[in-house]
Structures are given as structure tokens and as C-alpha cells.
Amino acid sequence: MHYNDFKSKCSTALLTTVFLLVGLSIQLLWHHQHATASVQRTYLPSPPKPDYMRVLAMGDPAVLSRLSMLWLQSFDYQPGISLALKDLNYDRLLGWLTLIQQLDARSQYPLFSAAYIYANVADETRQRQVLAFIEQRFQKHPDRYWRWLAHAAILAKHRLHDNDLALAYAHLLRTRTDKAIVPAWARQMEIGILEENGEYESARMLIGGLLSESAITDPHELYYLNQRLKQLKTK
């Protein structure tokens, strides 16, 4: 093979390779632009009216409640995009949680999601919205939803550093729940918060009131409260 023929074939192969690479690059760029353009953020819609959802449930609102909860919890994961919790409209979010709870009042999952997922947003306003939602649901059925208000009291105390709100929730736990259903640790959170705040006299008065009312009959609980009272008298 002559040198000129070899040189010509090499040039042709090189040009072919260059054209292939350019074509591939254009194709990849087009696909990237097309994919980017197709990614659109979908905003959380307003919840429908409860009557509409009950008709849609076709006699089985509990199933629709669970399906709606799965849809809501996966809403922040959209095709090609993941929304931060702070990007969600919390008024609509809590409206959906309220509706889902109304469909199945015995379900704990909407309140679990509120307490452990949506309350963890790095935004105080939204955190307070979630805690207010939990309190509202508690007021409907205190003995059913007490554990979520207890969690709300902990969040108010240690995340929001709002002692007054934490005490208000703890007070509701003590005064609105049935001691035969709700465990002693939850009903006595008010004492612990007062003690943590250094309000020892208030804590002593509260324990003394509980003991004098004769409402507590469990010997273990009585022993515990008496021991706490002795400890508080030394502070």
C-alpha cells in the first residue's frame, strides 16, 4: 500500500470517528435538555370535601384512607425531582391529614406521620402548625391519640424550647385522659417538665395534689410519686 493511500484511509477513519462523536454528543445533549424540560414541580392540591371522599370510598373509607396516606407520603418524590418538606404547602398538607383521619378515625398513621415526619421540617412556623394539628386530633379522642400529644410535648420542650406550650400539652395529658388507659409516665409529664424548668415548688404542689385526691390506687405509682416528692423536697 502506498503511503498516500494509507494516509487517505487514516484521514477518512478519523473524520468518521469525529462525526460519530459529534453526533453522539448532540444526541446526548438533546436528551438531557428534553429530560430537564419535562421535569416540572407539581404542587400539593387542596383536599376535596369529606362527602366526595366518602362517595369515592364506595363503602370502605378505611381502605381509601390508607391509599390516600400512601399517596400523600410519596408526594414529595416526583419524577426527576425530590421536594424538601419546607417546599410543601403545610396548610394543604394538614388539610389532607385531617381528611384522611376523618375517613378512618382509628388509624394512627396520619398522626404518626405528622409527629415523626412532617414535624421534623426546619421551620418553626410549620412545626407549630403540626403540633396544633396533633392537639386538635387529641381533643377529639384523648384516650386514642394521647401518645402523639406526648410526643408533641417533647418536641415543644426540646425542639421549639417553648416551655409554656410543653406544659400546656402535658396538662392536657393529665386532665383529659383516663388513667385506666393512658400510662402513668404520660400523665406525669407535667411534673417532669416543671422539674426540668426548675419550678420545684410547682412540681411538689402537683404531686401533693395527686396524692391527696386519692385518685391513684396503683401501689407502684404511689411509691414512685412519693419518692419523687421526697427528691423534690431536697431541691
Foldseek 3Di string as FASTA:
>chain_A
DDPVVVVVVVVVVVVVVVVVVVVVVVVVVVVVVVLVVPDDQDADDADDDLVVLVVVCVPPLLVVLVVLVVCLVCNQPDVPHGHALVPHDLVRSLNSLVSSCVSPVLDCVSLVCLLPPNLPHPDVVSVVVSLVSLVVSCVVPVLRSVVSLLSSLVCCCPVVVNLVSSLVSLCCNQPVYDCVRDPPCSNLVNLVSCVVVVVLVVSLVVLVVVVVVPPDDDPVVVVVSVVVNVVSVVD
